[in-house]
N, C-alpha and C. Protein backbone atom coordinates (compact mmCIF):
# COMPACT_ATOMS: atom_id res chain seq x y z
N UNK A 1 90.16 138.63 107.19
CA UNK A 1 89.50 137.35 107.65
C UNK A 1 89.89 136.10 106.63
N UNK A 2 90.18 135.09 107.16
CA UNK A 2 90.61 133.88 106.41
C UNK A 2 89.25 132.98 106.32
N UNK A 3 88.83 132.33 105.24
CA UNK A 3 87.50 131.52 105.17
C UNK A 3 87.96 130.22 105.56
N UNK A 4 87.13 129.62 106.22
CA UNK A 4 86.86 128.46 106.82
C UNK A 4 86.42 127.45 105.82
N UNK A 5 87.09 126.39 105.55
CA UNK A 5 86.88 125.09 104.62
C UNK A 5 87.19 123.86 105.24
N UNK A 6 85.92 123.05 104.95
CA UNK A 6 86.23 121.97 105.91
C UNK A 6 87.32 121.02 105.13
N UNK A 7 87.77 120.03 106.21
CA UNK A 7 88.97 119.20 105.59
C UNK A 7 88.15 117.88 105.85
N UNK A 8 87.49 117.31 104.51
CA UNK A 8 86.75 116.24 104.37
C UNK A 8 87.54 114.92 104.77
N UNK A 9 88.88 114.92 104.51
CA UNK A 9 89.64 113.67 104.59
C UNK A 9 89.80 113.60 106.03
N UNK A 10 90.13 114.67 106.88
CA UNK A 10 90.31 114.70 108.53
C UNK A 10 89.07 114.34 109.01
N UNK A 11 87.88 115.06 108.31
CA UNK A 11 86.62 114.41 108.92
C UNK A 11 86.35 113.19 109.07
N UNK A 12 86.72 112.44 107.89
CA UNK A 12 86.53 111.28 107.68
C UNK A 12 87.58 109.92 108.41
N UNK A 13 88.41 110.42 108.39
CA UNK A 13 89.68 109.95 109.55
C UNK A 13 89.13 109.60 110.74
N UNK A 14 88.75 110.93 111.33
CA UNK A 14 88.27 111.03 112.85
C UNK A 14 86.89 110.13 112.89
N UNK A 15 85.91 110.06 112.03
CA UNK A 15 84.72 109.11 112.01
C UNK A 15 85.12 107.61 112.17
N UNK A 16 86.22 107.48 111.25
CA UNK A 16 86.59 105.99 111.14
C UNK A 16 87.42 105.66 112.50
N UNK A 17 87.97 106.48 113.07
CA UNK A 17 88.76 106.07 114.43
C UNK A 17 88.01 105.72 115.63
N UNK A 18 86.85 106.79 115.59
CA UNK A 18 85.78 106.80 116.63
C UNK A 18 84.77 105.58 116.34
N UNK A 19 84.86 105.02 115.44
CA UNK A 19 83.55 104.17 115.28
C UNK A 19 82.60 104.78 114.56
N UNK A 20 82.45 105.74 113.76
CA UNK A 20 81.41 106.45 113.22
C UNK A 20 81.32 106.54 111.78
N UNK A 21 80.69 107.08 111.22
CA UNK A 21 80.68 107.54 109.87
C UNK A 21 80.58 109.10 109.46
N UNK A 22 81.25 109.24 108.59
CA UNK A 22 81.25 110.60 108.07
C UNK A 22 80.26 110.83 106.62
N UNK A 23 79.33 111.80 106.64
CA UNK A 23 78.48 111.89 105.79
C UNK A 23 78.29 113.59 105.00
N UNK A 24 78.92 114.25 104.12
CA UNK A 24 78.84 115.30 103.78
C UNK A 24 77.36 115.94 103.92
N UNK A 25 77.28 117.21 103.87
CA UNK A 25 75.81 117.77 104.00
C UNK A 25 75.26 117.41 102.63
N UNK A 26 76.12 117.73 101.63
CA UNK A 26 75.48 117.57 100.20
C UNK A 26 74.72 116.27 100.01
N UNK A 27 75.36 115.04 100.54
CA UNK A 27 74.84 113.60 100.43
C UNK A 27 74.04 113.10 101.59
N UNK A 28 73.09 113.78 102.08
CA UNK A 28 72.29 113.31 103.36
C UNK A 28 71.41 112.14 103.05
N UNK A 29 71.45 111.99 101.73
CA UNK A 29 70.58 110.82 101.29
C UNK A 29 71.46 109.42 101.64
N UNK A 30 72.50 109.23 101.61
CA UNK A 30 73.44 108.28 101.84
C UNK A 30 73.28 107.60 103.56
N UNK A 31 72.67 108.60 104.39
CA UNK A 31 72.75 108.31 105.76
C UNK A 31 71.58 107.20 105.94
N UNK A 32 71.95 106.24 106.82
CA UNK A 32 70.96 105.11 106.90
C UNK A 32 70.27 105.41 107.81
N UNK A 33 69.23 104.95 108.11
CA UNK A 33 67.80 105.25 109.18
C UNK A 33 68.47 104.72 110.50
N UNK A 34 68.19 105.68 111.64
CA UNK A 34 68.31 105.14 112.71
C UNK A 34 67.63 103.90 113.30
N UNK A 35 68.11 102.80 113.88
CA UNK A 35 67.57 101.89 114.78
C UNK A 35 66.44 102.19 115.66
N UNK A 36 65.56 101.88 115.84
CA UNK A 36 64.43 102.03 116.80
C UNK A 36 65.31 101.99 118.33
N UNK A 37 65.36 102.82 119.19
CA UNK A 37 65.98 102.77 120.34
C UNK A 37 65.20 102.43 121.43
N UNK A 38 65.23 101.55 122.29
CA UNK A 38 64.24 101.58 123.34
C UNK A 38 64.02 102.76 124.15
N UNK A 39 62.79 103.09 124.68
CA UNK A 39 62.82 104.36 125.69
C UNK A 39 63.55 104.11 126.82
N UNK A 40 64.18 105.09 127.32
CA UNK A 40 64.86 105.05 128.74
C UNK A 40 64.25 106.32 129.64
N UNK A 41 64.01 105.55 130.66
CA UNK A 41 63.44 106.53 131.73
C UNK A 41 64.19 106.68 132.89
N UNK A 42 64.67 107.70 133.49
CA UNK A 42 65.21 107.83 134.67
C UNK A 42 64.59 108.28 135.76
N UNK A 43 64.23 107.77 136.76
CA UNK A 43 63.65 107.99 137.95
C UNK A 43 64.64 108.24 139.18
N UNK A 44 64.60 109.40 139.72
CA UNK A 44 65.45 109.69 141.04
C UNK A 44 64.57 110.00 142.29
N UNK A 45 64.63 109.16 143.11
CA UNK A 45 64.13 109.28 144.29
C UNK A 45 64.95 109.47 145.46
N UNK A 46 64.62 110.12 146.39
CA UNK A 46 65.16 110.49 147.47
C UNK A 46 64.13 110.45 148.91
N UNK A 47 64.69 109.81 150.03
CA UNK A 47 63.83 109.56 151.31
C UNK A 47 64.39 110.32 152.26
N UNK A 48 63.76 110.97 153.17
CA UNK A 48 63.98 111.63 154.32
C UNK A 48 63.52 111.02 155.43
N UNK A 49 64.02 110.20 156.52
CA UNK A 49 63.24 109.66 157.39
C UNK A 49 63.32 110.75 158.54
N UNK A 50 62.07 111.49 158.85
CA UNK A 50 61.73 112.50 159.56
C UNK A 50 61.93 112.28 161.32
N UNK A 51 61.57 111.22 161.42
CA UNK A 51 61.35 110.36 162.84
C UNK A 51 62.73 110.00 163.16
N UNK A 52 63.64 110.07 162.47
CA UNK A 52 65.37 109.74 162.71
C UNK A 52 65.85 110.84 163.69
N UNK A 53 65.35 111.85 163.36
CA UNK A 53 65.85 113.15 163.83
C UNK A 53 65.22 113.73 165.30
N UNK A 54 65.57 113.33 166.57
CA UNK A 54 64.98 113.95 167.43
C UNK A 54 64.14 115.09 167.46
N UNK A 55 64.62 116.16 167.04
CA UNK A 55 64.48 117.78 167.13
C UNK A 55 63.17 117.88 166.35
N UNK A 56 62.85 116.86 165.16
CA UNK A 56 62.09 117.03 164.22
C UNK A 56 60.67 116.29 165.18
N UNK A 57 60.93 115.49 165.66
CA UNK A 57 60.13 114.53 166.38
C UNK A 57 59.39 115.46 167.47
N UNK A 58 60.34 116.18 168.41
CA UNK A 58 59.88 117.06 169.16
C UNK A 58 58.93 118.22 168.99
N UNK A 59 59.28 118.65 167.67
CA UNK A 59 58.55 119.97 167.06
C UNK A 59 57.37 119.31 166.91
N UNK A 60 57.29 117.94 166.34
CA UNK A 60 55.86 117.49 165.62
C UNK A 60 54.99 117.22 166.84
N UNK A 61 55.61 116.62 168.23
CA UNK A 61 54.80 116.48 169.11
C UNK A 61 54.20 117.41 169.64
N UNK A 62 55.10 118.80 169.90
CA UNK A 62 54.97 119.83 170.24
C UNK A 62 53.45 120.47 169.65
N UNK A 63 53.55 120.39 168.26
CA UNK A 63 52.54 120.95 167.36
C UNK A 63 51.38 120.29 167.77
N UNK A 64 51.50 118.94 167.89
CA UNK A 64 50.14 118.08 167.92
C UNK A 64 49.66 118.41 169.60
N UNK A 65 50.21 118.46 170.21
CA UNK A 65 49.89 118.79 171.78
C UNK A 65 49.31 120.32 171.72
N UNK A 66 50.08 121.11 170.98
CA UNK A 66 49.28 122.76 171.01
C UNK A 66 47.86 122.36 170.38
N UNK A 67 47.75 121.78 169.16
CA UNK A 67 46.35 121.54 168.70
C UNK A 67 45.25 121.32 169.66
N UNK A 68 45.82 120.21 170.30
CA UNK A 68 44.95 119.66 171.17
C UNK A 68 44.57 120.17 172.22
N UNK A 69 45.39 121.11 172.94
CA UNK A 69 44.93 121.80 173.92
C UNK A 69 44.26 123.13 173.22
N UNK A 70 44.47 123.64 172.11
CA UNK A 70 43.57 124.71 171.67
C UNK A 70 42.14 124.25 171.17
N UNK A 71 42.13 123.10 170.83
CA UNK A 71 40.80 122.64 170.52
C UNK A 71 39.88 122.11 172.08
N UNK A 72 40.74 121.86 172.92
CA UNK A 72 40.22 122.00 174.26
C UNK A 72 39.59 122.89 174.84
N UNK A 73 40.48 124.04 174.70
CA UNK A 73 40.36 125.45 175.16
C UNK A 73 38.96 125.97 174.53
N UNK A 74 38.85 125.66 173.14
CA UNK A 74 37.73 126.35 172.64
C UNK A 74 36.76 125.28 172.21
N UNK A 75 36.66 124.32 173.01
CA UNK A 75 35.60 123.30 172.87
C UNK A 75 35.35 122.74 171.38
N UNK A 76 36.19 122.62 170.73
CA UNK A 76 36.14 122.10 169.35
C UNK A 76 36.53 120.59 169.31
N UNK A 77 36.40 119.73 170.71
CA UNK A 77 36.69 118.59 170.32
C UNK A 77 35.25 117.64 170.10
């Protein structure tokens, strides 16, 4: 197996082309502190209009009617 050696010149060129900077692991003190980034929050919301679907409306109405009939039958009104 061959040993893997970092090509620092290549890494520096890649970072320059991409607009970044290259710092070797042995020189971490040269890394500038990161600026305070504003906190971002992502909220995903979806809505389903149940009464736009006639079948759902019919099932809902049947359930309400069944409850009313059962309450009336067992005198729970």
